[in-house]
PDB file of N, CA and C in Angstrom:
ATOM      1  N   MET A   1     -18.791 -16.139  -7.385  1.00  0.00           N
ATOM      2  CA  MET A   1     -18.372 -15.035  -8.028  1.00  0.00           C
ATOM      3  C   MET A   1     -17.385 -16.036  -9.352  1.00  0.00           C
ATOM      4  N   THR A   2     -17.421 -15.006 -10.114  1.00  0.00           N
ATOM      5  CA  THR A   2     -16.493 -15.595 -11.382  1.00  0.00           C
ATOM      6  C   THR A   2     -15.508 -14.576 -11.364  1.00  0.00           C
ATOM      7  N   ILE A   3     -14.373 -15.321 -11.763  1.00  0.00           N
ATOM      8  CA  ILE A   3     -13.034 -14.982 -12.506  1.00  0.00           C
ATOM      9  C   ILE A   3     -12.750 -14.964 -13.682  1.00  0.00           C
ATOM     10  N   THR A   4     -12.517 -13.912 -14.595  1.00  0.00           N
ATOM     11  CA  THR A   4     -11.933 -14.094 -16.092  1.00  0.00           C
ATOM     12  C   THR A   4     -10.916 -14.066 -15.897  1.00  0.00           C
ATOM     13  N   PHE A   5     -10.019 -14.646 -16.596  1.00  0.00           N
ATOM     14  CA  PHE A   5      -8.477 -14.163 -17.055  1.00  0.00           C
ATOM     15  C   PHE A   5      -8.277 -13.919 -18.320  1.00  0.00           C
ATOM     16  N   HIS A   6      -7.892 -12.786 -18.810  1.00  0.00           N
ATOM     17  CA  HIS A   6      -7.515 -12.726 -19.939  1.00  0.00           C
ATOM     18  C   HIS A   6      -6.223 -12.700 -20.874  1.00  0.00           C
ATOM     19  N   ALA A   7      -6.076 -12.954 -22.384  1.00  0.00           N
ATOM     20  CA  ALA A   7      -4.847 -12.753 -22.923  1.00  0.00           C
ATOM     21  C   ALA A   7      -3.673 -13.788 -21.932  1.00  0.00           C
ATOM     22  N   GLU A   8      -2.729 -13.124 -22.101  1.00  0.00           N
ATOM     23  CA  GLU A   8      -1.487 -13.682 -21.493  1.00  0.00           C
ATOM     24  C   GLU A   8      -1.783 -13.790 -20.160  1.00  0.00           C
ATOM     25  N   VAL A   9      -2.640 -13.843 -19.334  1.00  0.00           N
ATOM     26  CA  VAL A   9      -2.783 -13.985 -17.735  1.00  0.00           C
ATOM     27  C   VAL A   9      -3.132 -15.529 -17.885  1.00  0.00           C
ATOM     28  N   ARG A  10      -3.522 -16.189 -18.982  1.00  0.00           N
ATOM     29  CA  ARG A  10      -4.217 -17.503 -19.224  1.00  0.00           C
ATOM     30  C   ARG A  10      -2.433 -18.333 -19.021  1.00  0.00           C
ATOM     31  N   ASP A  11      -1.384 -17.683 -19.227  1.00  0.00           N
ATOM     32  CA  ASP A  11      -0.336 -18.490 -19.429  1.00  0.00           C
ATOM     33  C   ASP A  11       0.153 -18.875 -17.712  1.00  0.00           C
ATOM     34  N   TYR A  12      -0.603 -18.165 -16.875  1.00  0.00           N
ATOM     35  CA  TYR A  12      -0.352 -18.636 -15.598  1.00  0.00           C
ATOM     36  C   TYR A  12      -1.143 -19.495 -15.069  1.00  0.00           C
ATOM     37  N   THR A  13      -2.364 -19.597 -15.554  1.00  0.00           N
ATOM     38  CA  THR A  13      -3.542 -20.362 -15.120  1.00  0.00           C
ATOM     39  C   THR A  13      -3.754 -21.932 -15.829  1.00  0.00           C
ATOM     40  N   GLN A  14      -2.171 -22.276 -16.493  1.00  0.00           N
ATOM     41  CA  GLN A  14      -2.654 -23.328 -17.275  1.00  0.00           C
ATOM     42  C   GLN A  14      -3.570 -23.409 -18.374  1.00  0.00           C
ATOM     43  N   GLY A  15      -3.771 -21.894 -18.880  1.00  0.00           N
ATOM     44  CA  GLY A  15      -4.788 -21.914 -19.871  1.00  0.00           C
ATOM     45  C   GLY A  15      -6.027 -21.943 -19.553  1.00  0.00           C
ATOM     46  N   VAL A  16      -6.450 -21.997 -18.154  1.00  0.00           N
ATOM     47  CA  VAL A  16      -7.893 -21.937 -17.334  1.00  0.00           C
ATOM     48  C   VAL A  16      -8.379 -20.500 -17.924  1.00  0.00           C
ATOM     49  N   GLY A  17      -9.574 -20.409 -18.828  1.00  0.00           N
ATOM     50  CA  GLY A  17     -10.175 -18.811 -18.962  1.00  0.00           C
ATOM     51  C   GLY A  17     -11.174 -18.388 -18.330  1.00  0.00           C
ATOM     52  N   GLU A  18     -11.935 -19.078 -16.978  1.00  0.00           N
ATOM     53  CA  GLU A  18     -12.502 -18.529 -16.109  1.00  0.00           C
ATOM     54  C   GLU A  18     -12.647 -19.826 -15.213  1.00  0.00           C
ATOM     55  N   ILE A  19     -13.047 -19.108 -14.182  1.00  0.00           N
ATOM     56  CA  ILE A  19     -13.601 -20.229 -13.017  1.00  0.00           C
ATOM     57  C   ILE A  19     -14.284 -19.089 -11.894  1.00  0.00           C
ATOM     58  N   SER A  20     -15.121 -19.970 -11.267  1.00  0.00           N
ATOM     59  CA  SER A  20     -16.210 -19.708 -10.382  1.00  0.00           C
ATOM     60  C   SER A  20     -15.547 -20.009  -8.872  1.00  0.00           C
ATOM     61  N   ILE A  21     -16.073 -19.089  -8.031  1.00  0.00           N
ATOM     62  CA  ILE A  21     -15.097 -19.483  -6.748  1.00  0.00           C
ATOM     63  C   ILE A  21     -15.803 -18.705  -5.555  1.00  0.00           C
ATOM     64  N   PRO A  22     -16.028 -19.028  -4.193  1.00  0.00           N
ATOM     65  CA  PRO A  22     -16.398 -18.615  -2.924  1.00  0.00           C
ATOM     66  C   PRO A  22     -16.046 -16.924  -3.113  1.00  0.00           C
ATOM     67  N   ALA A  23     -16.862 -16.086  -3.060  1.00  0.00           N
ATOM     68  CA  ALA A  23     -16.426 -15.056  -2.554  1.00  0.00           C
ATOM     69  C   ALA A  23     -15.419 -14.695  -1.698  1.00  0.00           C
ATOM     70  N   ALA A  24     -14.219 -14.262  -2.319  1.00  0.00           N
ATOM     71  CA  ALA A  24     -12.966 -13.063  -1.187  1.00  0.00           C
ATOM     72  C   ALA A  24     -13.944 -11.904  -0.774  1.00  0.00           C
ATOM     73  N   SER A  25     -13.112 -11.607   0.607  1.00  0.00           N
ATOM     74  CA  SER A  25     -13.310 -10.477   0.882  1.00  0.00           C
ATOM     75  C   SER A  25     -13.332  -9.216   0.207  1.00  0.00           C
ATOM     76  N   SER A  26     -11.894  -9.644  -0.446  1.00  0.00           N
ATOM     77  CA  SER A  26     -11.359  -8.383  -1.141  1.00  0.00           C
ATOM     78  C   SER A  26     -10.559  -8.460  -2.433  1.00  0.00           C
ATOM     79  N   VAL A  27     -10.586  -7.816  -2.997  1.00  0.00           N
ATOM     80  CA  VAL A  27      -9.232  -8.222  -4.123  1.00  0.00           C
ATOM     81  C   VAL A  27      -8.353  -8.611  -3.831  1.00  0.00           C
ATOM     82  N   ARG A  28      -7.653  -8.101  -2.616  1.00  0.00           N
ATOM     83  CA  ARG A  28      -5.856  -8.331  -2.153  1.00  0.00           C
ATOM     84  C   ARG A  28      -6.229  -9.787  -1.655  1.00  0.00           C
ATOM     85  N   ALA A  29      -7.337  -9.962  -0.873  1.00  0.00           N
ATOM     86  CA  ALA A  29      -7.853 -11.533  -0.375  1.00  0.00           C
ATOM     87  C   ALA A  29      -7.961 -12.604  -1.719  1.00  0.00           C
ATOM     88  N   LEU A  30      -8.735 -12.111  -2.823  1.00  0.00           N
ATOM     89  CA  LEU A  30      -8.288 -13.178  -3.752  1.00  0.00           C
ATOM     90  C   LEU A  30      -7.429 -13.373  -4.228  1.00  0.00           C
ATOM     91  N   MET A  31      -6.295 -12.035  -4.752  1.00  0.00           N
ATOM     92  CA  MET A  31      -5.315 -12.437  -5.612  1.00  0.00           C
ATOM     93  C   MET A  31      -4.433 -13.421  -4.432  1.00  0.00           C
ATOM     94  N   ASP A  32      -4.675 -13.690  -3.033  1.00  0.00           N
ATOM     95  CA  ASP A  32      -4.000 -14.639  -2.328  1.00  0.00           C
ATOM     96  C   ASP A  32      -4.832 -15.875  -2.648  1.00  0.00           C
ATOM     97  N   MET A  33      -5.754 -16.225  -2.658  1.00  0.00           N
ATOM     98  CA  MET A  33      -6.867 -17.062  -3.173  1.00  0.00           C
ATOM     99  C   MET A  33      -6.040 -17.777  -4.330  1.00  0.00           C
ATOM    100  N   LEU A  34      -6.011 -17.195  -5.491  1.00  0.00           N
ATOM    101  CA  LEU A  34      -5.801 -17.159  -6.402  1.00  0.00           C
ATOM    102  C   LEU A  34      -4.340 -18.004  -6.702  1.00  0.00           C
ATOM    103  N   GLY A  35      -3.589 -17.632  -5.761  1.00  0.00           N
ATOM    104  CA  GLY A  35      -1.952 -17.882  -5.545  1.00  0.00           C
ATOM    105  C   GLY A  35      -2.129 -19.173  -5.318  1.00  0.00           C
ATOM    106  N   GLU A  36      -2.599 -19.277  -4.487  1.00  0.00           N
ATOM    107  CA  GLU A  36      -2.684 -20.567  -3.835  1.00  0.00           C
ATOM    108  C   GLU A  36      -3.243 -21.380  -4.750  1.00  0.00           C
ATOM    109  N   HIS A  37      -4.059 -21.414  -4.977  1.00  0.00           N
ATOM    110  CA  HIS A  37      -4.657 -22.364  -6.251  1.00  0.00           C
ATOM    111  C   HIS A  37      -3.942 -22.335  -7.559  1.00  0.00           C
ATOM    112  N   PHE A  38      -3.081 -21.465  -8.309  1.00  0.00           N
ATOM    113  CA  PHE A  38      -2.455 -21.391  -9.211  1.00  0.00           C
ATOM    114  C   PHE A  38      -1.123 -22.005  -9.233  1.00  0.00           C
ATOM    115  N   GLY A  39      -0.724 -21.397  -8.121  1.00  0.00           N
ATOM    116  CA  GLY A  39       0.831 -21.617  -7.684  1.00  0.00           C
ATOM    117  C   GLY A  39       2.064 -20.629  -7.693  1.00  0.00           C
ATOM    118  N   GLU A  40       2.985 -20.678  -7.207  1.00  0.00           N
ATOM    119  CA  GLU A  40       4.053 -19.389  -7.213  1.00  0.00           C
ATOM    120  C   GLU A  40       4.018 -18.493  -8.341  1.00  0.00           C
ATOM    121  N   GLN A  41       4.064 -19.346  -9.449  1.00  0.00           N
ATOM    122  CA  GLN A  41       4.675 -18.384 -10.834  1.00  0.00           C
ATOM    123  C   GLN A  41       3.220 -17.271 -10.881  1.00  0.00           C
ATOM    124  N   PHE A  42       2.173 -17.996 -10.576  1.00  0.00           N
ATOM    125  CA  PHE A  42       1.089 -16.947 -10.892  1.00  0.00           C
ATOM    126  C   PHE A  42       1.196 -16.299  -9.491  1.00  0.00           C
ATOM    127  N   ARG A  43       1.055 -16.586  -8.575  1.00  0.00           N
ATOM    128  CA  ARG A  43       1.317 -15.243  -7.136  1.00  0.00           C
ATOM    129  C   ARG A  43       2.451 -14.414  -7.467  1.00  0.00           C
ATOM    130  N   GLN A  44       3.547 -14.820  -7.888  1.00  0.00           N
ATOM    131  CA  GLN A  44       4.482 -13.465  -8.547  1.00  0.00           C
ATOM    132  C   GLN A  44       4.216 -12.707  -9.525  1.00  0.00           C
ATOM    133  N   PHE A  45       3.604 -13.308 -10.863  1.00  0.00           N
ATOM    134  CA  PHE A  45       2.926 -12.774 -11.629  1.00  0.00           C
ATOM    135  C   PHE A  45       1.531 -11.571 -10.967  1.00  0.00           C
ATOM    136  N   LEU A  46       0.911 -12.322 -10.459  1.00  0.00           N
ATOM    137  CA  LEU A  46      -0.238 -11.373  -9.559  1.00  0.00           C
ATOM    138  C   LEU A  46       0.478 -10.009  -8.554  1.00  0.00           C
ATOM    139  N   PHE A  47       1.274 -10.717  -8.301  1.00  0.00           N
ATOM    140  CA  PHE A  47       1.966  -9.058  -7.045  1.00  0.00           C
ATOM    141  C   PHE A  47       2.863  -8.578  -7.417  1.00  0.00           C
ATOM    142  N   GLY A  48       3.400  -8.441  -9.173  1.00  0.00           N
ATOM    143  CA  GLY A  48       4.253  -7.727  -9.546  1.00  0.00           C
ATOM    144  C   GLY A  48       4.101  -6.435 -10.125  1.00  0.00           C
ATOM    145  N   ASP A  49       5.139  -5.864 -10.431  1.00  0.00           N
ATOM    146  CA  ASP A  49       4.461  -4.286 -10.342  1.00  0.00           C
ATOM    147  C   ASP A  49       4.051  -4.489 -11.855  1.00  0.00           C
ATOM    148  N   ASP A  50       3.009  -3.480 -12.332  1.00  0.00           N
ATOM    149  CA  ASP A  50       2.656  -3.023 -13.552  1.00  0.00           C
ATOM    150  C   ASP A  50       2.680  -4.778 -14.429  1.00  0.00           C
ATOM    151  N   THR A  51       1.747  -5.725 -14.001  1.00  0.00           N
ATOM    152  CA  THR A  51       1.664  -7.025 -14.742  1.00  0.00           C
ATOM    153  C   THR A  51       0.452  -7.232 -15.150  1.00  0.00           C
ATOM    154  N   CYS A  52      -0.434  -7.043 -13.938  1.00  0.00           N
ATOM    155  CA  CYS A  52      -1.659  -7.184 -14.160  1.00  0.00           C
ATOM    156  C   CYS A  52      -2.984  -6.207 -13.731  1.00  0.00           C
ATOM    157  N   PHE A  53      -4.026  -5.822 -14.313  1.00  0.00           N
ATOM    158  CA  PHE A  53      -5.140  -5.365 -13.774  1.00  0.00           C
ATOM    159  C   PHE A  53      -5.836  -5.662 -13.715  1.00  0.00           C
ATOM    160  N   PHE A  54      -7.216  -5.105 -12.280  1.00  0.00           N
ATOM    161  CA  PHE A  54      -8.723  -5.990 -12.136  1.00  0.00           C
ATOM    162  C   PHE A  54      -9.387  -5.051 -12.668  1.00  0.00           C
ATOM    163  N   LEU A  55     -10.495  -5.727 -13.403  1.00  0.00           N
ATOM    164  CA  LEU A  55     -12.118  -4.979 -13.132  1.00  0.00           C
ATOM    165  C   LEU A  55     -12.988  -5.784 -12.381  1.00  0.00           C
ATOM    166  N   VAL A  56     -13.618  -5.146 -11.366  1.00  0.00           N
ATOM    167  CA  VAL A  56     -14.685  -5.745 -10.188  1.00  0.00           C
ATOM    168  C   VAL A  56     -16.296  -5.167 -11.373  1.00  0.00           C
ATOM    169  N   ASN A  57     -16.976  -5.858 -11.641  1.00  0.00           N
ATOM    170  CA  ASN A  57     -18.272  -5.893 -12.089  1.00  0.00           C
ATOM    171  C   ASN A  57     -18.282  -4.545 -12.900  1.00  0.00           C
ATOM    172  N   GLY A  58     -16.982  -4.882 -14.006  1.00  0.00           N
ATOM    173  CA  GLY A  58     -16.692  -3.831 -15.070  1.00  0.00           C
ATOM    174  C   GLY A  58     -16.045  -2.987 -14.821  1.00  0.00           C
ATOM    175  N   LYS A  59     -15.567  -2.302 -13.335  1.00  0.00           N
ATOM    176  CA  LYS A  59     -14.850  -0.931 -13.120  1.00  0.00           C
ATOM    177  C   LYS A  59     -13.633  -1.510 -12.578  1.00  0.00           C
ATOM    178  N   GLY A  60     -12.571  -0.586 -13.101  1.00  0.00           N
ATOM    179  CA  GLY A  60     -11.346  -0.690 -12.519  1.00  0.00           C
ATOM    180  C   GLY A  60     -11.136  -0.155 -11.460  1.00  0.00           C
ATOM    181  N   ILE A  61     -10.603  -0.956 -10.355  1.00  0.00           N
ATOM    182  CA  ILE A  61     -10.381  -1.232  -8.682  1.00  0.00           C
ATOM    183  C   ILE A  61      -9.846  -0.068  -8.438  1.00  0.00           C
ATOM    184  N   MET A  62      -8.887   0.927  -9.279  1.00  0.00           N
ATOM    185  CA  MET A  62      -8.370   1.943  -8.801  1.00  0.00           C
ATOM    186  C   MET A  62      -9.231   3.004  -8.438  1.00  0.00           C
ATOM    187  N   ALA A  63     -10.625   2.905  -8.546  1.00  0.00           N
ATOM    188  CA  ALA A  63     -11.712   3.829  -8.735  1.00  0.00           C
ATOM    189  C   ALA A  63     -12.593   3.346  -8.025  1.00  0.00           C
ATOM    190  N   THR A  64     -12.639   2.281  -6.852  1.00  0.00           N
ATOM    191  CA  THR A  64     -13.200   1.698  -5.808  1.00  0.00           C
ATOM    192  C   THR A  64     -12.510   1.104  -5.078  1.00  0.00           C
ATOM    193  N   GLY A  65     -11.142   1.501  -5.014  1.00  0.00           N
ATOM    194  CA  GLY A  65     -10.526   1.186  -3.523  1.00  0.00           C
ATOM    195  C   GLY A  65      -9.276   0.178  -3.714  1.00  0.00           C
ATOM    196  N   GLY A  66      -9.015  -0.026  -5.007  1.00  0.00           N
ATOM    197  CA  GLY A  66      -7.584  -0.711  -5.155  1.00  0.00           C
ATOM    198  C   GLY A  66      -7.714  -2.195  -5.009  1.00  0.00           C
ATOM    199  N   LEU A  67      -6.509  -2.725  -4.062  1.00  0.00           N
ATOM    200  CA  LEU A  67      -6.580  -3.973  -3.399  1.00  0.00           C
ATOM    201  C   LEU A  67      -7.395  -4.277  -2.068  1.00  0.00           C
ATOM    202  N   ASN A  68      -7.818  -3.215  -1.873  1.00  0.00           N
ATOM    203  CA  ASN A  68      -8.830  -3.015  -0.492  1.00  0.00           C
ATOM    204  C   ASN A  68     -10.421  -3.243  -1.212  1.00  0.00           C
ATOM    205  N   THR A  69     -10.864  -3.090  -2.441  1.00  0.00           N
ATOM    206  CA  THR A  69     -11.637  -3.376  -3.129  1.00  0.00           C
ATOM    207  C   THR A  69     -12.423  -4.336  -2.554  1.00  0.00           C
ATOM    208  N   PRO A  70     -14.017  -4.191  -1.827  1.00  0.00           N
ATOM    209  CA  PRO A  70     -14.781  -5.177  -1.624  1.00  0.00           C
ATOM    210  C   PRO A  70     -15.381  -6.311  -2.342  1.00  0.00           C
ATOM    211  N   LEU A  71     -15.493  -7.328  -2.075  1.00  0.00           N
ATOM    212  CA  LEU A  71     -16.002  -8.331  -3.128  1.00  0.00           C
ATOM    213  C   LEU A  71     -17.492  -9.187  -2.742  1.00  0.00           C
ATOM    214  N   ALA A  72     -18.011  -9.702  -3.280  1.00  0.00           N
ATOM    215  CA  ALA A  72     -19.172 -10.130  -3.139  1.00  0.00           C
ATOM    216  C   ALA A  72     -19.692 -11.471  -3.792  1.00  0.00           C
ATOM    217  N   ASP A  73     -20.720 -12.246  -3.659  1.00  0.00           N
ATOM    218  CA  ASP A  73     -20.850 -13.226  -3.932  1.00  0.00           C
ATOM    219  C   ASP A  73     -21.929 -12.718  -5.177  1.00  0.00           C
ATOM    220  N   GLY A  74     -21.576 -13.311  -6.331  1.00  0.00           N
ATOM    221  CA  GLY A  74     -22.182 -12.872  -7.207  1.00  0.00           C
ATOM    222  C   GLY A  74     -21.187 -11.481  -8.249  1.00  0.00           C
ATOM    223  N   ASP A  75     -20.460 -10.973  -7.890  1.00  0.00           N
ATOM    224  CA  ASP A  75     -19.453 -10.306  -8.356  1.00  0.00           C
ATOM    225  C   ASP A  75     -18.671 -11.056  -9.677  1.00  0.00           C
ATOM    226  N   THR A  76     -18.180 -10.142 -10.461  1.00  0.00           N
ATOM    227  CA  THR A  76     -17.518 -10.596 -11.568  1.00  0.00           C
ATOM    228  C   THR A  76     -16.079  -9.769 -11.423  1.00  0.00           C
ATOM    229  N   VAL A  77     -15.156 -10.787 -11.270  1.00  0.00           N
ATOM    230  CA  VAL A  77     -13.638 -10.187 -11.673  1.00  0.00           C
ATOM    231  C   VAL A  77     -12.901 -10.626 -13.015  1.00  0.00           C
ATOM    232  N   GLU A  78     -12.432  -9.481 -13.847  1.00  0.00           N
ATOM    233  CA  GLU A  78     -11.714  -9.638 -14.892  1.00  0.00           C
ATOM    234  C   GLU A  78     -10.183  -9.699 -14.635  1.00  0.00           C
ATOM    235  N   VAL A  79      -9.245 -10.497 -14.539  1.00  0.00           N
ATOM    236  CA  VAL A  79      -7.715  -9.693 -14.610  1.00  0.00           C
ATOM    237  C   VAL A  79      -7.299 -10.152 -16.012  1.00  0.00           C
ATOM    238  N   LEU A  80      -6.537  -8.946 -16.143  1.00  0.00           N
ATOM    239  CA  LEU A  80      -6.021  -8.506 -17.648  1.00  0.00           C
ATOM    240  C   LEU A  80      -4.377  -8.015 -17.262  1.00  0.00           C
ATOM    241  N   PRO A  81      -4.062  -8.410 -18.714  1.00  0.00           N
ATOM    242  CA  PRO A  81      -2.427  -7.747 -18.502  1.00  0.00           C
ATOM    243  C   PRO A  81      -2.368  -6.476 -18.406  1.00  0.00           C
ATOM    244  N   PHE A  82      -1.437  -5.965 -17.870  1.00  0.00           N
ATOM    245  CA  PHE A  82      -1.354  -4.443 -17.705  1.00  0.00           C
ATOM    246  C   PHE A  82      -0.467  -3.926 -19.293  1.00  0.00           C
ATOM    247  N   VAL A  83      -1.284  -2.898 -19.932  1.00  0.00           N
ATOM    248  CA  VAL A  83      -0.517  -3.075 -21.285  1.00  0.00           C
ATOM    249  C   VAL A  83       0.176  -1.386 -21.060  1.00  0.00           C
ATOM    250  N   ASN A  84       1.676  -1.601 -21.248  1.00  0.00           N
ATOM    251  CA  ASN A  84       2.357  -0.037 -21.298  1.00  0.00           C
ATOM    252  C   ASN A  84       2.427   0.089 -22.853  1.00  0.00           C
ATOM    253  N   ALA A  85       1.991   1.133 -22.962  1.00  0.00           N
ATOM    254  CA  ALA A  85       1.538   2.247 -24.363  1.00  0.00           C
ATOM    255  C   ALA A  85       2.599   2.823 -24.500  1.00  0.00           C
ATOM    256  N   GLY A  86       3.737   2.862 -23.641  1.00  0.00           N
ATOM    257  CA  GLY A  86       4.754   3.747 -24.492  1.00  0.00           C
ATOM    258  C   GLY A  86       5.748   4.030 -23.547  1.00  0.00           C
TER     259      GLY A  86
END
């Protein structure tokens, strides 16, 4: 599974833009794994209100099960900052 971090999300990953990891069972499980990997500040960012959103294989997770969206080997997950347009 490939995880790509966009824009200011990289501020919480020590500048890492992409990593490859074994598949997590869901987006929620992936968030836990990433929080352990990058530390508490990143965990707080991931679990904050309206701070980021996820695309799995190019699709927003709100259309695929939210945080319960299942993941598999070979998936691509993008973590993007939430942008408030107004």
